[in-house]
Amino acid sequence: MFRRSPPANRPDFQHSVLHAVLGELTPRGARGGRVQMHRSIWGLHLPPHRLAGSVLLALVLTALLVLLRPTIAALWSTELLWWVTRMELSGRFTAITEHSHLPFQIATPTLMLFVNAPLPTTLMFNAIGVVAAWWLAGLLPDVARPGCYLLRFAAVIHGAAVLFFWIWPASFPHSVNEHIGNGLQQCWALMLLAPWIHLCTYYLFAVTWLQRLALTLLTWAYLFVLAPLLFALHALVLHAWGPLAMPLLHLLFGVMVTIIGFVALYGWAMGWANARLQPAPIP
């Protein structure tokens, strides 16, 4: 009548075995090989004088850029107006008149392009193109999945613009002049932030002071050359397609292009930061 029940499995033993198995699998990759600690983790030593020198370098570079602000604004304005004139775009264009007293703002030229609101037939063909782009994105193979997501994201943005102009054609709040001016302001802000972003992500590694300076100067050169060319192209597209293309240009082909190049230069410069190949520690 009274039978002794079999002993239950010890949960603490099962837990310890499971913990040991998971602990062994954690440092292994998808193919079963052991993943070594990245050099940016085990090789980062941060002496106080390196941190102080990096902050000082960022301050000096920022002050230098602020002093060059009038020159940069004048060169951007001259090149942008040169391109707009050579492309024979219809509108009124004037150079910069005055600079803001705030260092994070830069003077921009005035570009008043003569553009028209999209016609109903234009909206209809664009809506068909949005549906076709969404459908074609689904036909891409699995290896092109990121491209599928990007294409569908662009379709959503442009589809929303088509819907807006279909329902509220006279309520679009942005002008071509605001679009180009804000784009140049974003490029300027990114130039100001470049030394401080590099301070947090690059200056603290064991690289030479020349390499720290070179990365920021290369990033500045990239943004300085790209900004007027990029927004001259925006002006050409807006002159041809009207404000319907403005949301897509702003969200995908504006500051996003500058950020992609910014990150690409940083990734290339990180190849200089291999401390294991250096013969002696760098202060």
C-alpha atoms as a PDB file:
ATOM      1  CA  MET A   1       0.000   0.000   0.000  1.00  0.00           C
ATOM      2  CA  PHE A   2       2.810   2.375   0.876  1.00  0.00           C
ATOM      3  CA  ARG A   3       5.316   2.270  -1.918  1.00  0.00           C
ATOM      4  CA  ARG A   4       8.315   4.492  -2.089  1.00  0.00           C
ATOM      5  CA  SER A   5       8.189   6.795  -5.078  1.00  0.00           C
ATOM      6  CA  PRO A   6      11.277   6.823  -7.344  1.00  0.00           C
ATOM      7  CA  PRO A   7      13.678   9.690  -6.645  1.00  0.00           C
ATOM      8  CA  ALA A   8      13.149  12.679  -8.868  1.00  0.00           C
ATOM      9  CA  ASN A   9      15.929  14.043 -11.054  1.00  0.00           C
ATOM     10  CA  ARG A  10      18.052  16.575  -9.265  1.00  0.00           C
ATOM     11  CA  PRO A  11      17.246  19.948 -10.807  1.00  0.00           C
ATOM     12  CA  ASP A  12      20.431  21.473  -9.554  1.00  0.00           C
ATOM     13  CA  PHE A  13      22.467  18.834 -11.394  1.00  0.00           C
ATOM     14  CA  GLN A  14      20.538  19.353 -14.649  1.00  0.00           C
ATOM     15  CA  HIS A  15      20.947  23.088 -14.314  1.00  0.00           C
ATOM     16  CA  SER A  16      24.689  22.812 -13.841  1.00  0.00           C
ATOM     17  CA  VAL A  17      25.060  20.532 -16.895  1.00  0.00           C
ATOM     18  CA  LEU A  18      22.955  22.885 -19.029  1.00  0.00           C
ATOM     19  CA  HIS A  19      24.951  25.854 -17.810  1.00  0.00           C
ATOM     20  CA  ALA A  20      28.215  24.113 -18.675  1.00  0.00           C
ATOM     21  CA  VAL A  21      26.995  23.222 -22.178  1.00  0.00           C
ATOM     22  CA  LEU A  22      25.778  26.762 -22.868  1.00  0.00           C
ATOM     23  CA  GLY A  23      28.989  28.189 -21.483  1.00  0.00           C
ATOM     24  CA  GLU A  24      30.969  26.032 -23.898  1.00  0.00           C
ATOM     25  CA  LEU A  25      28.806  26.999 -26.901  1.00  0.00           C
ATOM     26  CA  THR A  26      28.857  30.743 -26.192  1.00  0.00           C
ATOM     27  CA  PRO A  27      32.420  31.477 -27.431  1.00  0.00           C
ATOM     28  CA  ARG A  28      31.994  29.363 -30.583  1.00  0.00           C
ATOM     29  CA  GLY A  29      30.976  30.602 -34.011  1.00  0.00           C
ATOM     30  CA  ALA A  30      28.419  29.255 -36.484  1.00  0.00           C
ATOM     31  CA  ARG A  31      30.897  26.658 -37.801  1.00  0.00           C
ATOM     32  CA  GLY A  32      31.904  25.424 -34.380  1.00  0.00           C
ATOM     33  CA  GLY A  33      35.239  27.189 -34.179  1.00  0.00           C
ATOM     34  CA  ARG A  34      36.198  29.142 -31.108  1.00  0.00           C
ATOM     35  CA  VAL A  35      35.785  32.902 -31.517  1.00  0.00           C
ATOM     36  CA  GLN A  36      38.809  34.852 -30.312  1.00  0.00           C
ATOM     37  CA  MET A  37      38.473  38.158 -28.533  1.00  0.00           C
ATOM     38  CA  HIS A  38      38.631  41.095 -30.957  1.00  0.00           C
ATOM     39  CA  ARG A  39      41.763  43.202 -30.892  1.00  0.00           C
ATOM     40  CA  SER A  40      39.738  46.353 -30.179  1.00  0.00           C
ATOM     41  CA  ILE A  41      38.725  44.821 -26.836  1.00  0.00           C
ATOM     42  CA  TRP A  42      41.927  43.235 -25.540  1.00  0.00           C
ATOM     43  CA  GLY A  43      44.259  45.779 -27.125  1.00  0.00           C
ATOM     44  CA  LEU A  44      42.723  49.026 -25.878  1.00  0.00           C
ATOM     45  CA  HIS A  45      44.806  50.719 -23.215  1.00  0.00           C
ATOM     46  CA  LEU A  46      43.777  54.234 -22.280  1.00  0.00           C
ATOM     47  CA  PRO A  47      46.503  56.259 -20.569  1.00  0.00           C
ATOM     48  CA  PRO A  48      45.212  59.548 -19.138  1.00  0.00           C
ATOM     49  CA  HIS A  49      47.548  61.645 -21.298  1.00  0.00           C
ATOM     50  CA  ARG A  50      46.141  60.009 -24.457  1.00  0.00           C
ATOM     51  CA  LEU A  51      42.594  60.917 -23.431  1.00  0.00           C
ATOM     52  CA  ALA A  52      43.622  64.488 -22.612  1.00  0.00           C
ATOM     53  CA  GLY A  53      45.533  64.836 -25.888  1.00  0.00           C
ATOM     54  CA  SER A  54      42.593  63.466 -27.880  1.00  0.00           C
ATOM     55  CA  VAL A  55      40.182  65.943 -26.317  1.00  0.00           C
ATOM     56  CA  LEU A  56      42.635  68.767 -27.019  1.00  0.00           C
ATOM     57  CA  LEU A  57      42.987  67.646 -30.637  1.00  0.00           C
ATOM     58  CA  ALA A  58      39.200  67.618 -31.093  1.00  0.00           C
ATOM     59  CA  LEU A  59      38.948  71.112 -29.599  1.00  0.00           C
ATOM     60  CA  VAL A  60      41.693  72.503 -31.844  1.00  0.00           C
ATOM     61  CA  LEU A  61      40.187  70.951 -34.991  1.00  0.00           C
ATOM     62  CA  THR A  62      36.714  72.272 -34.136  1.00  0.00           C
ATOM     63  CA  ALA A  63      38.055  75.777 -33.541  1.00  0.00           C
ATOM     64  CA  LEU A  64      39.954  75.620 -36.855  1.00  0.00           C
ATOM     65  CA  LEU A  65      36.815  74.571 -38.722  1.00  0.00           C
ATOM     66  CA  VAL A  66      34.759  77.367 -37.175  1.00  0.00           C
ATOM     67  CA  LEU A  67      37.405  79.879 -38.302  1.00  0.00           C
ATOM     68  CA  LEU A  68      37.181  78.457 -41.837  1.00  0.00           C
ATOM     69  CA  ARG A  69      33.364  78.646 -41.866  1.00  0.00           C
ATOM     70  CA  PRO A  70      33.086  81.817 -44.026  1.00  0.00           C
ATOM     71  CA  THR A  71      35.517  80.415 -46.586  1.00  0.00           C
ATOM     72  CA  ILE A  72      33.741  77.056 -46.757  1.00  0.00           C
ATOM     73  CA  ALA A  73      30.346  78.763 -47.146  1.00  0.00           C
ATOM     74  CA  ALA A  74      31.634  80.973 -49.959  1.00  0.00           C
ATOM     75  CA  LEU A  75      33.208  78.042 -51.827  1.00  0.00           C
ATOM     76  CA  TRP A  76      30.079  75.890 -51.463  1.00  0.00           C
ATOM     77  CA  SER A  77      27.894  78.751 -52.701  1.00  0.00           C
ATOM     78  CA  THR A  78      30.144  79.504 -55.661  1.00  0.00           C
ATOM     79  CA  GLU A  79      30.332  75.889 -56.813  1.00  0.00           C
ATOM     80  CA  LEU A  80      26.631  75.201 -56.325  1.00  0.00           C
ATOM     81  CA  LEU A  81      25.610  78.287 -58.297  1.00  0.00           C
ATOM     82  CA  TRP A  82      28.153  77.386 -60.992  1.00  0.00           C
ATOM     83  CA  TRP A  83      26.552  73.961 -61.443  1.00  0.00           C
ATOM     84  CA  VAL A  84      23.002  75.330 -61.407  1.00  0.00           C
ATOM     85  CA  THR A  85      23.929  77.890 -64.051  1.00  0.00           C
ATOM     86  CA  ARG A  86      25.681  75.336 -66.258  1.00  0.00           C
ATOM     87  CA  MET A  87      22.689  72.982 -66.055  1.00  0.00           C
ATOM     88  CA  GLU A  88      20.465  75.882 -67.196  1.00  0.00           C
ATOM     89  CA  LEU A  89      17.848  75.365 -64.519  1.00  0.00           C
ATOM     90  CA  SER A  90      15.000  77.875 -64.510  1.00  0.00           C
ATOM     91  CA  GLY A  91      14.726  79.985 -61.375  1.00  0.00           C
ATOM     92  CA  ARG A  92      16.312  82.760 -59.338  1.00  0.00           C
ATOM     93  CA  PHE A  93      19.674  82.190 -57.674  1.00  0.00           C
ATOM     94  CA  THR A  94      21.594  84.471 -55.336  1.00  0.00           C
ATOM     95  CA  ALA A  95      24.788  83.958 -53.388  1.00  0.00           C
ATOM     96  CA  ILE A  96      25.057  84.053 -49.602  1.00  0.00           C
ATOM     97  CA  THR A  97      24.405  87.378 -47.901  1.00  0.00           C
ATOM     98  CA  GLU A  98      25.338  86.998 -44.224  1.00  0.00           C
ATOM     99  CA  HIS A  99      26.515  84.389 -41.730  1.00  0.00           C
ATOM    100  CA  SER A 100      24.721  83.284 -38.624  1.00  0.00           C
ATOM    101  CA  HIS A 101      26.268  84.104 -35.271  1.00  0.00           C
ATOM    102  CA  LEU A 102      25.895  80.469 -34.203  1.00  0.00           C
ATOM    103  CA  PRO A 103      28.917  78.310 -35.107  1.00  0.00           C
ATOM    104  CA  PHE A 104      26.811  75.246 -35.924  1.00  0.00           C
ATOM    105  CA  GLN A 105      25.023  77.108 -38.755  1.00  0.00           C
ATOM    106  CA  ILE A 106      26.514  78.048 -42.091  1.00  0.00           C
ATOM    107  CA  ALA A 107      25.323  80.535 -44.681  1.00  0.00           C
ATOM    108  CA  THR A 108      23.809  78.973 -47.810  1.00  0.00           C
ATOM    109  CA  PRO A 109      22.847  80.366 -51.220  1.00  0.00           C
ATOM    110  CA  THR A 110      19.269  81.032 -52.258  1.00  0.00           C
ATOM    111  CA  LEU A 111      17.932  78.726 -54.977  1.00  0.00           C
ATOM    112  CA  MET A 112      14.362  79.449 -56.063  1.00  0.00           C
ATOM    113  CA  LEU A 113      13.656  76.846 -58.737  1.00  0.00           C
ATOM    114  CA  PHE A 114      10.521  77.071 -60.864  1.00  0.00           C
ATOM    115  CA  VAL A 115       8.888  73.686 -60.276  1.00  0.00           C
ATOM    116  CA  ASN A 116       5.283  72.594 -60.678  1.00  0.00           C
ATOM    117  CA  ALA A 117       3.098  70.321 -58.597  1.00  0.00           C
ATOM    118  CA  PRO A 118       2.764  66.812 -60.075  1.00  0.00           C
ATOM    119  CA  LEU A 119      -0.121  66.208 -62.464  1.00  0.00           C
ATOM    120  CA  PRO A 120      -2.708  63.445 -61.821  1.00  0.00           C
ATOM    121  CA  THR A 121      -1.249  61.361 -64.647  1.00  0.00           C
ATOM    122  CA  THR A 122       2.224  61.721 -63.092  1.00  0.00           C
ATOM    123  CA  LEU A 123       0.882  60.541 -59.741  1.00  0.00           C
ATOM    124  CA  MET A 124      -0.832  57.586 -61.404  1.00  0.00           C
ATOM    125  CA  PHE A 125       2.329  56.408 -63.156  1.00  0.00           C
ATOM    126  CA  ASN A 126       4.357  56.882 -59.976  1.00  0.00           C
ATOM    127  CA  ALA A 127       1.826  54.824 -58.016  1.00  0.00           C
ATOM    128  CA  ILE A 128       2.147  52.034 -60.576  1.00  0.00           C
ATOM    129  CA  GLY A 129       5.928  52.252 -60.274  1.00  0.00           C
ATOM    130  CA  VAL A 130       5.733  51.998 -56.478  1.00  0.00           C
ATOM    131  CA  VAL A 131       3.618  48.835 -56.671  1.00  0.00           C
ATOM    132  CA  ALA A 132       5.947  47.350 -59.299  1.00  0.00           C
ATOM    133  CA  ALA A 133       9.030  48.126 -57.182  1.00  0.00           C
ATOM    134  CA  TRP A 134       7.441  46.476 -54.135  1.00  0.00           C
ATOM    135  CA  TRP A 135       6.544  43.369 -56.150  1.00  0.00           C
ATOM    136  CA  LEU A 136       9.941  43.117 -57.868  1.00  0.00           C
ATOM    137  CA  ALA A 137      11.709  43.424 -54.515  1.00  0.00           C
ATOM    138  CA  GLY A 138       9.969  40.242 -53.379  1.00  0.00           C
ATOM    139  CA  LEU A 139      11.445  38.350 -56.348  1.00  0.00           C
ATOM    140  CA  LEU A 140      15.027  38.958 -55.285  1.00  0.00           C
ATOM    141  CA  PRO A 141      16.942  35.898 -53.972  1.00  0.00           C
ATOM    142  CA  ASP A 142      17.713  35.434 -50.291  1.00  0.00           C
ATOM    143  CA  VAL A 143      21.291  36.606 -50.745  1.00  0.00           C
ATOM    144  CA  ALA A 144      19.890  39.990 -51.851  1.00  0.00           C
ATOM    145  CA  ARG A 145      17.576  40.319 -48.860  1.00  0.00           C
ATOM    146  CA  PRO A 146      19.134  43.637 -47.685  1.00  0.00           C
ATOM    147  CA  GLY A 147      18.519  45.075 -51.149  1.00  0.00           C
ATOM    148  CA  CYS A 148      14.922  43.902 -50.937  1.00  0.00           C
ATOM    149  CA  TYR A 149      14.417  45.729 -47.646  1.00  0.00           C
ATOM    150  CA  LEU A 150      16.040  48.887 -48.981  1.00  0.00           C
ATOM    151  CA  LEU A 151      13.966  48.848 -52.174  1.00  0.00           C
ATOM    152  CA  ARG A 152      10.743  48.354 -50.252  1.00  0.00           C
ATOM    153  CA  PHE A 153      11.685  51.106 -47.820  1.00  0.00           C
ATOM    154  CA  ALA A 154      12.158  53.444 -50.790  1.00  0.00           C
ATOM    155  CA  ALA A 155       8.790  52.279 -52.176  1.00  0.00           C
ATOM    156  CA  VAL A 156       7.083  53.117 -48.880  1.00  0.00           C
ATOM    157  CA  ILE A 157       8.625  56.609 -48.808  1.00  0.00           C
ATOM    158  CA  HIS A 158       7.725  57.410 -52.398  1.00  0.00           C
ATOM    159  CA  GLY A 159       4.286  55.826 -52.042  1.00  0.00           C
ATOM    160  CA  ALA A 160       3.564  58.063 -49.057  1.00  0.00           C
ATOM    161  CA  ALA A 161       4.658  61.095 -51.116  1.00  0.00           C
ATOM    162  CA  VAL A 162       2.359  60.071 -53.978  1.00  0.00           C
ATOM    163  CA  LEU A 163      -0.558  59.646 -51.571  1.00  0.00           C
ATOM    164  CA  PHE A 164       0.134  63.042 -49.976  1.00  0.00           C
ATOM    165  CA  PHE A 165       0.182  64.883 -53.311  1.00  0.00           C
ATOM    166  CA  TRP A 166      -2.929  62.989 -54.397  1.00  0.00           C
ATOM    167  CA  ILE A 167      -4.941  64.114 -51.354  1.00  0.00           C
ATOM    168  CA  TRP A 168      -3.310  67.450 -50.388  1.00  0.00           C
ATOM    169  CA  PRO A 169      -1.549  68.735 -53.519  1.00  0.00           C
ATOM    170  CA  ALA A 170      -1.348  72.336 -52.275  1.00  0.00           C
ATOM    171  CA  SER A 171      -0.272  71.638 -48.686  1.00  0.00           C
ATOM    172  CA  PHE A 172       3.324  70.522 -49.167  1.00  0.00           C
ATOM    173  CA  PRO A 173       5.256  72.659 -46.641  1.00  0.00           C
ATOM    174  CA  HIS A 174       8.807  72.476 -48.054  1.00  0.00           C
ATOM    175  CA  SER A 175      10.494  74.364 -50.872  1.00  0.00           C
ATOM    176  CA  VAL A 176      13.517  73.560 -52.991  1.00  0.00           C
ATOM    177  CA  ASN A 177      15.469  76.344 -51.317  1.00  0.00           C
ATOM    178  CA  GLU A 178      14.760  74.905 -47.853  1.00  0.00           C
ATOM    179  CA  HIS A 179      15.657  71.393 -49.009  1.00  0.00           C
ATOM    180  CA  ILE A 180      19.065  72.401 -50.387  1.00  0.00           C
ATOM    181  CA  GLY A 181      19.822  74.808 -47.547  1.00  0.00           C
ATOM    182  CA  ASN A 182      18.980  72.247 -44.865  1.00  0.00           C
ATOM    183  CA  GLY A 183      21.068  69.640 -46.669  1.00  0.00           C
ATOM    184  CA  LEU A 184      24.118  71.903 -46.653  1.00  0.00           C
ATOM    185  CA  GLN A 185      23.495  72.670 -42.974  1.00  0.00           C
ATOM    186  CA  GLN A 186      23.474  68.932 -42.209  1.00  0.00           C
ATOM    187  CA  CYS A 187      26.794  68.465 -44.017  1.00  0.00           C
ATOM    188  CA  TRP A 188      28.269  71.340 -42.029  1.00  0.00           C
ATOM    189  CA  ALA A 189      26.975  69.872 -38.752  1.00  0.00           C
ATOM    190  CA  LEU A 190      28.542  66.523 -39.639  1.00  0.00           C
ATOM    191  CA  MET A 191      31.857  68.255 -40.299  1.00  0.00           C
ATOM    192  CA  LEU A 192      31.668  69.877 -36.866  1.00  0.00           C
ATOM    193  CA  LEU A 193      30.837  66.563 -35.215  1.00  0.00           C
ATOM    194  CA  ALA A 194      33.562  64.609 -37.041  1.00  0.00           C
ATOM    195  CA  PRO A 195      36.399  65.306 -34.529  1.00  0.00           C
ATOM    196  CA  TRP A 196      34.162  64.387 -31.584  1.00  0.00           C
ATOM    197  CA  ILE A 197      32.859  61.225 -33.222  1.00  0.00           C
ATOM    198  CA  HIS A 198      36.444  60.231 -33.997  1.00  0.00           C
ATOM    199  CA  LEU A 199      37.388  61.083 -30.413  1.00  0.00           C
ATOM    200  CA  CYS A 200      34.948  58.450 -29.120  1.00  0.00           C
ATOM    201  CA  THR A 201      35.582  55.839 -31.803  1.00  0.00           C
ATOM    202  CA  TYR A 202      39.163  56.275 -33.071  1.00  0.00           C
ATOM    203  CA  TYR A 203      41.420  58.676 -31.178  1.00  0.00           C
ATOM    204  CA  LEU A 204      41.412  56.438 -28.086  1.00  0.00           C
ATOM    205  CA  PHE A 205      43.025  53.526 -29.933  1.00  0.00           C
ATOM    206  CA  ALA A 206      46.780  53.027 -30.173  1.00  0.00           C
ATOM    207  CA  VAL A 207      47.297  54.926 -33.410  1.00  0.00           C
ATOM    208  CA  THR A 208      49.707  57.731 -34.112  1.00  0.00           C
ATOM    209  CA  TRP A 209      48.711  61.363 -33.799  1.00  0.00           C
ATOM    210  CA  LEU A 210      49.300  61.772 -37.535  1.00  0.00           C
ATOM    211  CA  GLN A 211      46.776  59.014 -38.237  1.00  0.00           C
ATOM    212  CA  ARG A 212      44.211  60.642 -35.936  1.00  0.00           C
ATOM    213  CA  LEU A 213      44.655  63.939 -37.710  1.00  0.00           C
ATOM    214  CA  ALA A 214      44.617  62.307 -41.154  1.00  0.00           C
ATOM    215  CA  LEU A 215      41.278  60.567 -40.579  1.00  0.00           C
ATOM    216  CA  THR A 216      39.508  63.782 -39.614  1.00  0.00           C
ATOM    217  CA  LEU A 217      41.079  65.757 -42.455  1.00  0.00           C
ATOM    218  CA  LEU A 218      40.096  63.067 -44.976  1.00  0.00           C
ATOM    219  CA  THR A 219      36.545  63.081 -43.632  1.00  0.00           C
ATOM    220  CA  TRP A 220      36.400  66.864 -43.906  1.00  0.00           C
ATOM    221  CA  ALA A 221      37.713  66.739 -47.472  1.00  0.00           C
ATOM    222  CA  TYR A 222      35.103  64.136 -48.412  1.00  0.00           C
ATOM    223  CA  LEU A 223      32.227  66.197 -46.971  1.00  0.00           C
ATOM    224  CA  PHE A 224      33.568  69.457 -48.404  1.00  0.00           C
ATOM    225  CA  VAL A 225      33.765  68.065 -51.948  1.00  0.00           C
ATOM    226  CA  LEU A 226      30.539  66.040 -51.777  1.00  0.00           C
ATOM    227  CA  ALA A 227      28.116  68.630 -50.368  1.00  0.00           C
ATOM    228  CA  PRO A 228      27.819  71.039 -53.348  1.00  0.00           C
ATOM    229  CA  LEU A 229      27.937  68.223 -55.903  1.00  0.00           C
ATOM    230  CA  LEU A 230      25.255  66.207 -54.118  1.00  0.00           C
ATOM    231  CA  PHE A 231      22.822  69.084 -53.764  1.00  0.00           C
ATOM    232  CA  ALA A 232      23.448  70.349 -57.280  1.00  0.00           C
ATOM    233  CA  LEU A 233      22.275  66.879 -58.346  1.00  0.00           C
ATOM    234  CA  HIS A 234      19.259  67.265 -56.036  1.00  0.00           C
ATOM    235  CA  ALA A 235      18.453  70.565 -57.728  1.00  0.00           C
ATOM    236  CA  LEU A 236      18.565  68.888 -61.139  1.00  0.00           C
ATOM    237  CA  VAL A 237      16.272  66.044 -60.021  1.00  0.00           C
ATOM    238  CA  LEU A 238      13.801  68.427 -58.380  1.00  0.00           C
ATOM    239  CA  HIS A 239      13.768  70.644 -61.467  1.00  0.00           C
ATOM    240  CA  ALA A 240      12.906  67.610 -63.613  1.00  0.00           C
ATOM    241  CA  TRP A 241      10.488  65.727 -61.315  1.00  0.00           C
ATOM    242  CA  GLY A 242       9.213  68.426 -59.001  1.00  0.00           C
ATOM    243  CA  PRO A 243       8.640  68.285 -55.226  1.00  0.00           C
ATOM    244  CA  LEU A 244       7.308  64.721 -55.508  1.00  0.00           C
ATOM    245  CA  ALA A 245      10.907  63.462 -55.394  1.00  0.00           C
ATOM    246  CA  MET A 246      11.869  65.555 -52.361  1.00  0.00           C
ATOM    247  CA  PRO A 247      10.985  63.040 -49.568  1.00  0.00           C
ATOM    248  CA  LEU A 248      12.940  60.258 -51.247  1.00  0.00           C
ATOM    249  CA  LEU A 249      15.922  62.532 -51.884  1.00  0.00           C
ATOM    250  CA  HIS A 250      15.903  63.789 -48.317  1.00  0.00           C
ATOM    251  CA  LEU A 251      15.611  60.434 -46.535  1.00  0.00           C
ATOM    252  CA  LEU A 252      17.719  58.160 -48.750  1.00  0.00           C
ATOM    253  CA  PHE A 253      19.958  60.316 -50.936  1.00  0.00           C
ATOM    254  CA  GLY A 254      20.723  63.252 -48.660  1.00  0.00           C
ATOM    255  CA  VAL A 255      22.593  63.073 -45.391  1.00  0.00           C
ATOM    256  CA  MET A 256      22.465  59.256 -45.626  1.00  0.00           C
ATOM    257  CA  VAL A 257      25.004  59.390 -48.470  1.00  0.00           C
ATOM    258  CA  THR A 258      27.367  61.517 -46.385  1.00  0.00           C
ATOM    259  CA  ILE A 259      27.051  59.163 -43.409  1.00  0.00           C
ATOM    260  CA  ILE A 260      27.837  56.119 -45.569  1.00  0.00           C
ATOM    261  CA  GLY A 261      31.058  57.739 -46.757  1.00  0.00           C
ATOM    262  CA  PHE A 262      31.859  58.852 -43.200  1.00  0.00           C
ATOM    263  CA  VAL A 263      31.575  55.280 -41.932  1.00  0.00           C
ATOM    264  CA  ALA A 264      33.518  53.895 -44.903  1.00  0.00           C
ATOM    265  CA  LEU A 265      36.473  56.200 -44.214  1.00  0.00           C
ATOM    266  CA  TYR A 266      36.386  55.254 -40.541  1.00  0.00           C
ATOM    267  CA  GLY A 267      36.376  51.534 -41.395  1.00  0.00           C
ATOM    268  CA  TRP A 268      39.342  52.011 -43.713  1.00  0.00           C
ATOM    269  CA  ALA A 269      41.245  53.977 -41.076  1.00  0.00           C
ATOM    270  CA  MET A 270      40.623  51.276 -38.464  1.00  0.00           C
ATOM    271  CA  GLY A 271      43.038  49.131 -40.475  1.00  0.00           C
ATOM    272  CA  TRP A 272      45.763  51.417 -39.130  1.00  0.00           C
ATOM    273  CA  ALA A 273      44.810  50.612 -35.535  1.00  0.00           C
ATOM    274  CA  ASN A 274      46.304  47.120 -35.254  1.00  0.00           C
ATOM    275  CA  ALA A 275      48.388  47.510 -32.128  1.00  0.00           C
ATOM    276  CA  ARG A 276      49.863  44.008 -32.411  1.00  0.00           C
ATOM    277  CA  LEU A 277      51.888  44.982 -35.489  1.00  0.00           C
ATOM    278  CA  GLN A 278      53.424  48.042 -33.892  1.00  0.00           C
ATOM    279  CA  PRO A 279      56.979  47.596 -32.601  1.00  0.00           C
ATOM    280  CA  ALA A 280      56.531  49.824 -29.558  1.00  0.00           C
ATOM    281  CA  PRO A 281      53.598  51.243 -27.626  1.00  0.00           C
ATOM    282  CA  ILE A 282      52.457  54.655 -28.737  1.00  0.00           C
ATOM    283  CA  PRO A 283      51.716  57.249 -26.053  1.00  0.00           C
END
